Protein backbone atom coordinates (compact mmCIF):
# COMPACT_ATOMS: atom_id res chain seq x y z
CA UNK A 1 10.74 -5.84 -20.35
CA UNK A 2 11.30 -4.17 -16.93
CA UNK A 3 12.05 -5.55 -13.57
CA UNK A 4 9.40 -4.63 -11.01
CA UNK A 5 10.03 -4.80 -7.46
CA UNK A 6 6.97 -6.01 -5.50
CA UNK A 7 5.86 -7.27 -1.98
CA UNK A 8 3.29 -9.94 -1.40
CA UNK A 9 1.08 -9.28 1.51
CA UNK A 10 -2.07 -10.61 3.01
CA UNK A 11 -4.76 -9.75 5.51
CA UNK A 12 -6.80 -12.78 6.76
CA UNK A 13 -6.03 -14.47 3.59
CA UNK A 14 -6.93 -11.36 1.16
CA UNK A 15 -3.68 -11.27 -0.83
CA UNK A 16 -2.48 -8.44 -2.98
CA UNK A 17 0.72 -7.61 -4.87
CA UNK A 18 1.95 -4.32 -3.27
CA UNK A 19 4.09 -1.89 -5.31
CA UNK A 20 5.91 1.05 -3.68
CA UNK A 21 5.33 3.94 -6.00
CA UNK A 22 6.51 6.64 -3.64
CA UNK A 23 9.73 7.11 -5.63
CA UNK A 24 8.78 6.12 -9.03
CA UNK A 25 5.52 6.62 -10.48
CA UNK A 26 4.73 3.05 -11.67
CA UNK A 27 1.62 2.48 -13.70
CA UNK A 28 0.55 -0.73 -15.17
CA UNK A 29 -2.24 -1.74 -17.65
CA UNK A 30 -5.22 -3.84 -16.88
CA UNK A 31 -3.55 -6.70 -18.75
CA UNK A 32 -0.31 -6.44 -16.75
CA UNK A 33 -2.22 -6.52 -13.52
CA UNK A 34 -4.22 -9.49 -14.75
CA UNK A 35 -0.82 -11.21 -15.52
CA UNK A 36 0.68 -10.39 -12.06
CA UNK A 37 -2.49 -11.70 -10.32
CA UNK A 38 -2.63 -14.90 -12.24
CA UNK A 39 -2.26 -17.74 -9.81
CA UNK A 40 -0.67 -20.05 -12.17
CA UNK A 41 1.22 -17.79 -14.62
CA UNK A 42 1.98 -14.66 -12.34
CA UNK A 43 2.68 -14.06 -8.79
CA UNK A 44 -0.89 -14.96 -7.79
CA UNK A 45 -3.22 -12.50 -5.84
CA UNK A 46 -6.64 -10.90 -5.49
CA UNK A 47 -5.24 -7.92 -7.19
CA UNK A 48 -2.61 -5.23 -7.16
CA UNK A 49 -2.15 -2.28 -4.68
CA UNK A 50 0.07 0.71 -5.60
CA UNK A 51 1.39 2.69 -2.47
CA UNK A 52 1.59 6.54 -3.74
CA UNK A 53 2.19 9.67 -2.34
CA UNK A 54 -0.71 11.85 -1.50
CA UNK A 55 -1.44 15.63 -1.43
CA UNK A 56 -4.45 15.01 1.23
CA UNK A 57 -3.13 12.37 3.33
CA UNK A 58 0.20 10.73 4.26
CA UNK A 59 0.03 8.11 1.62
CA UNK A 60 -2.49 6.84 -1.05
CA UNK A 61 -3.74 3.39 -1.76
CA UNK A 62 -4.39 2.95 -5.36
CA UNK A 63 -6.04 -0.37 -5.78
CA UNK A 64 -6.87 -2.77 -8.57
CA UNK A 65 -8.78 -6.01 -8.84
CA UNK A 66 -7.41 -9.31 -10.27
CA UNK A 67 -9.34 -8.51 -13.58
CA UNK A 68 -7.55 -5.20 -13.88
CA UNK A 69 -10.65 -2.97 -12.86
CA UNK A 70 -10.00 -0.28 -10.42
CA UNK A 71 -11.82 -0.44 -6.86
CA UNK A 72 -12.41 2.29 -4.31
CA UNK A 73 -11.54 0.65 -1.19
CA UNK A 74 -10.19 -2.79 0.43
CA UNK A 75 -10.28 -3.01 4.21
CA UNK A 76 -7.78 -5.79 4.34
CA UNK A 77 -5.80 -4.04 1.83
CA UNK A 78 -5.55 -0.79 3.71
CA UNK A 79 -4.28 -2.71 6.84
CA UNK A 80 -1.36 -4.04 4.55
CA UNK A 81 -0.43 -0.66 3.22
CA UNK A 82 -0.23 0.67 6.81
CA UNK A 83 2.01 -2.31 7.91
CA UNK A 84 4.11 -1.72 4.77
CA UNK A 85 4.62 2.11 5.28
CA UNK A 86 5.74 1.51 8.93
CA UNK A 87 7.74 -1.58 8.62
CA UNK A 88 9.62 -0.21 5.53
CA UNK A 89 10.43 2.99 7.22
CA UNK A 90 8.46 5.20 5.10
CA UNK A 91 6.78 6.65 8.16
CA UNK A 92 7.29 6.58 11.94
CA UNK A 93 3.74 7.65 12.77
CA UNK A 94 1.68 5.08 14.32
CA UNK A 95 -1.60 6.96 13.15
CA UNK A 96 -1.01 7.80 9.50
CA UNK A 97 -3.78 9.09 7.22
CA UNK A 98 -4.24 7.04 3.96
CA UNK A 99 -6.06 8.35 0.92
CA UNK A 100 -8.40 5.91 -0.71
CA UNK A 101 -11.12 6.15 -3.32
CA UNK A 102 -13.54 6.23 -0.42
CA UNK A 103 -11.85 9.18 1.23
CA UNK A 104 -8.89 9.80 3.75
CA UNK A 105 -8.97 7.07 6.45
CA UNK A 106 -7.00 7.10 9.71
CA UNK A 107 -5.25 3.97 10.92
CA UNK A 108 -3.97 2.97 14.35
CA UNK A 109 -0.95 0.68 14.36
CA UNK A 110 -0.42 -1.99 16.94
CA UNK A 111 3.38 -2.87 17.18
CA UNK A 112 4.57 -6.25 18.05
CA UNK A 113 7.72 -8.13 18.05
CA UNK A 114 10.78 -6.58 16.24
CA UNK A 115 9.03 -3.31 16.14
CA UNK A 116 7.02 -4.74 13.26
CA UNK A 117 3.12 -3.91 12.76
CA UNK A 118 1.11 -6.77 14.27
CA UNK A 119 -2.53 -5.44 14.21
CA UNK A 120 -4.13 -2.68 12.60
CA UNK A 121 -7.39 -0.72 13.41
CA UNK A 122 -8.93 1.42 10.75
CA UNK A 123 -11.64 4.11 11.21
CA UNK A 124 -13.80 3.00 8.04
CA UNK A 125 -16.22 6.05 8.33
CA UNK A 126 -19.72 5.86 8.22
CA UNK A 127 -21.77 3.37 6.31
CA UNK A 128 -23.70 4.66 3.35
CA UNK A 129 -27.33 3.52 3.12
CA UNK A 130 -28.94 5.83 0.66
CA UNK A 131 -29.59 3.47 -2.56
CA UNK A 132 -28.43 6.24 -5.11
CA UNK A 133 -25.15 6.65 -3.12
CA UNK A 134 -24.34 2.94 -2.82
CA UNK A 135 -25.43 2.80 -5.79
CA UNK A 136 -28.45 0.70 -6.16
CA UNK A 137 -31.16 1.31 -8.91
CA UNK A 138 -34.09 1.18 -6.43
CA UNK A 139 -37.70 2.40 -6.48
CA UNK A 140 -37.05 4.97 -3.80
CA UNK A 141 -34.14 6.31 -1.51
CA UNK A 142 -35.34 4.59 1.46
CA UNK A 143 -32.81 2.27 3.19
CA UNK A 144 -32.64 -1.28 1.68
CA UNK A 145 -33.08 -3.62 4.64
CA UNK A 146 -34.13 -7.30 4.09
CA UNK A 147 -35.66 -6.62 0.77
CA UNK A 148 -36.45 -9.41 -1.85
CA UNK A 149 -34.16 -10.05 -4.78
CA UNK A 150 -35.07 -12.85 -7.18
CA UNK A 151 -32.13 -14.55 -8.66
CA UNK A 152 -31.80 -17.98 -10.51
CA UNK A 153 -35.14 -19.09 -9.18
CA UNK A 154 -34.29 -18.15 -5.65
CA UNK A 155 -35.89 -15.43 -3.59
CA UNK A 156 -33.22 -13.94 -1.35
CA UNK A 157 -33.38 -11.12 1.06
CA UNK A 158 -30.59 -8.59 0.81
CA UNK A 159 -29.51 -5.36 2.59
CA UNK A 160 -27.57 -2.82 0.53
CA UNK A 161 -24.59 -0.85 2.27
CA UNK A 162 -21.59 1.00 1.00
CA UNK A 163 -18.27 1.21 3.09
CA UNK A 164 -16.82 3.40 0.09
CA UNK A 165 -17.67 0.31 -2.19
CA UNK A 166 -21.06 -1.37 -2.68
CA UNK A 167 -22.06 -4.55 -0.73
CA UNK A 168 -25.07 -6.80 -0.99
CA UNK A 169 -25.55 -8.67 2.09
CA UNK A 170 -27.58 -11.84 2.17
CA UNK A 171 -28.12 -13.93 5.49
CA UNK A 172 -28.49 -17.67 4.82
CA UNK A 173 -28.83 -20.74 7.11
CA UNK A 174 -25.52 -22.18 6.10
CA UNK A 175 -22.99 -19.98 4.20
CA UNK A 176 -20.62 -23.15 3.65
CA UNK A 177 -23.40 -25.03 1.84
CA UNK A 178 -24.62 -22.21 -0.12
CA UNK A 179 -23.85 -22.04 -3.88
CA UNK A 180 -21.81 -18.97 -3.42
CA UNK A 181 -19.83 -19.39 -6.93
CA UNK A 182 -23.04 -19.91 -8.81
CA UNK A 183 -25.28 -17.15 -7.30
CA UNK A 184 -22.25 -14.64 -6.42
CA UNK A 185 -21.51 -13.63 -10.01
CA UNK A 186 -25.33 -13.48 -10.85
CA UNK A 187 -25.90 -10.78 -8.30
CA UNK A 188 -22.40 -8.91 -8.78
CA UNK A 189 -23.58 -8.16 -12.36
CA UNK A 190 -27.46 -7.77 -11.61
CA UNK A 191 -29.07 -4.73 -13.08
CA UNK A 192 -29.85 -3.29 -9.70
CA UNK A 193 -26.27 -2.52 -9.27
CA UNK A 194 -24.77 -0.12 -11.89
CA UNK A 195 -21.21 -0.34 -10.77
CA UNK A 196 -21.56 -4.15 -9.97
CA UNK A 197 -21.39 -5.03 -6.32
CA UNK A 198 -19.70 -7.27 -3.68
CA UNK A 199 -21.98 -10.02 -2.27
CA UNK A 200 -21.75 -11.36 1.38
CA UNK A 201 -23.48 -14.61 2.35
CA UNK A 202 -23.73 -14.64 5.98
CA UNK A 203 -24.57 -17.13 8.86
CA UNK A 204 -25.37 -15.99 12.33
CA UNK A 205 -23.54 -17.80 15.05
CA UNK A 206 -24.61 -15.39 17.82
CA UNK A 207 -25.49 -11.85 18.58
CA UNK A 208 -21.73 -11.14 18.63
CA UNK A 209 -20.57 -13.67 16.22
CA UNK A 210 -21.06 -13.79 12.44
CA UNK A 211 -19.56 -15.82 9.59
CA UNK A 212 -19.38 -14.74 5.97
CA UNK A 213 -18.14 -15.75 2.59
CA UNK A 214 -17.66 -13.07 0.05
CA UNK A 215 -17.89 -12.85 -3.77
CA UNK A 216 -15.90 -9.90 -4.57
CA UNK A 217 -16.59 -7.56 -7.67
CA UNK A 218 -13.89 -8.20 -10.06
CA UNK A 219 -12.04 -10.85 -8.17
CA UNK A 220 -14.51 -13.88 -7.61
CA UNK A 221 -14.68 -15.76 -4.20
CA UNK A 222 -11.81 -14.47 -1.87
CA UNK A 223 -10.81 -15.79 1.53
CA UNK A 224 -11.78 -12.36 3.22
CA UNK A 225 -13.16 -8.89 2.68
CA UNK A 226 -12.80 -6.05 5.11
CA UNK A 227 -15.35 -3.66 3.73
CA UNK A 228 -17.43 -6.67 3.43
CA UNK A 229 -17.09 -7.42 7.13
CA UNK A 230 -18.03 -3.95 8.00
CA UNK A 231 -21.11 -4.06 5.72
CA UNK A 232 -22.12 -7.33 7.26
CA UNK A 233 -22.13 -6.08 10.93
CA UNK A 234 -24.10 -3.07 9.74
CA UNK A 235 -26.58 -5.28 8.02
CA UNK A 236 -26.59 -7.64 11.05
CA UNK A 237 -27.52 -4.95 13.34
CA UNK A 238 -30.00 -3.08 11.13
CA UNK A 239 -31.79 -6.57 10.73
CA UNK A 240 -31.49 -7.09 14.52
CA UNK A 241 -29.57 -10.17 13.99
CA UNK A 242 -26.48 -8.80 15.72
CA UNK A 243 -25.10 -6.08 18.10
CA UNK A 244 -22.57 -3.32 17.38
CA UNK A 245 -19.43 -5.16 18.47
CA UNK A 246 -19.11 -8.34 16.54
CA UNK A 247 -16.53 -11.09 15.83
CA UNK A 248 -16.71 -12.04 12.21
CA UNK A 249 -15.09 -15.25 10.94
CA UNK A 250 -14.14 -15.35 7.49
CA UNK A 251 -12.45 -18.33 5.57
CA UNK A 252 -9.14 -16.66 5.93
CA UNK A 253 -9.39 -15.45 9.58
CA UNK A 254 -11.21 -13.26 11.93
CA UNK A 255 -12.09 -9.51 12.23
CA UNK A 256 -13.52 -7.34 15.12
CA UNK A 257 -15.88 -4.98 13.87
CA UNK A 258 -17.35 -2.12 15.94
CA UNK A 259 -20.18 0.39 15.07
CA UNK A 260 -19.31 3.19 17.43
CA UNK A 261 -21.37 6.01 19.02
CA UNK A 262 -19.97 8.32 16.47
CA UNK A 263 -21.47 6.29 13.54
CA UNK A 264 -18.08 5.38 12.43
CA UNK A 265 -17.19 1.77 11.80
CA UNK A 266 -14.00 0.42 13.34
CA UNK A 267 -12.18 -2.48 11.86
CA UNK A 268 -9.47 -4.29 13.56
CA UNK A 269 -7.39 -7.28 12.07
CA UNK A 270 -3.93 -8.64 11.32
CA UNK A 271 -1.55 -7.86 8.38
CA UNK A 272 1.30 -10.12 7.24
CA UNK A 273 4.12 -9.73 4.64
CA UNK A 274 4.79 -12.89 2.76
CA UNK A 275 7.66 -12.22 0.65
CA UNK A 276 9.34 -9.59 -1.68
CA UNK A 277 10.84 -10.04 -5.02
CA UNK A 278 11.16 -8.83 -8.53
CA UNK A 279 9.34 -9.92 -11.64
CA UNK A 280 9.60 -9.04 -15.36
CA UNK A 281 6.68 -7.09 -16.72
C-alpha cells in the first residue's frame, strides 16, 4: 500500500478530496476513488479532484464522481482548485487559467485574511442549449424550454442546459418537499440523456432569488452544485422566472450567478480548506 497525500476542501458543502498531482503523476482506479469517497470507510466526499499540470492553461482540474466515473466540470470544485493553487504557493497569479473537460476557464481570486483566497469568481463561458450538444435525445434541435417529461406517473416540465456538463432544470412549488431522492435517479438515467444528467429541482423566491436542490450524476444528492446553479439561472431567465443577476440558495450555502452581456455566465462563491492528511491506498 502507498501513502497518498490529500487535502479535503468544500465549496458551499460540495466537498471533494483534492490531490496535488503536479509533481507526481498520481492515477487512481474507479474502485480506489469510491473507497476514498466513502463517508463511512474512507475520507468521505462527493468525489476526487486531481490538480495536474496543463499545456493549455496554467493548471488542469481532473475530476471524478464518488462512484468513480469521470466528469467534465464542477463549479464548486474549480473554485477550490483555484484556492488550493494560490494558497499552497503553486501560483501567484490572481487570474489563473484552469483547463477542465469543459474547456479553459479563467478565475478571479478575491484575497482575504492571511493572504488566503476567500471568494472566487469563475467565467463559466456560454451556456449550451442545442440538444445534441448537451446532449439530449430530442425530436429536433430547438431549445428545450419547459418541455414535458413523464416520470414515475408525474408530468414535469424541464429545461435542458449544458455548462460543460448536462443539466435538467425543473421548477417546483417547494423543493424541500419534493421527492428528490426518488425522482432524481430516474431522471439521471432517463433514455433522453445518453450521458446521464444532473437534475435541479428549483423554487422561485423572487426575480433575483432562487433555491435549488441537486441530484448529481454519479454522486446522488449533494449540498451544492455550481454548474447546476448556473444552469438554474439560465433556465430561470429563459422561462421568465428570474433576471440575469440572481442569488441562488443551495443547501450548503449561496452563490451569485450573473448572465453577462457577453453571453458568458459568471459564478461567484466561497471555497474552504477543511483538513489535509495522508491515507493508505
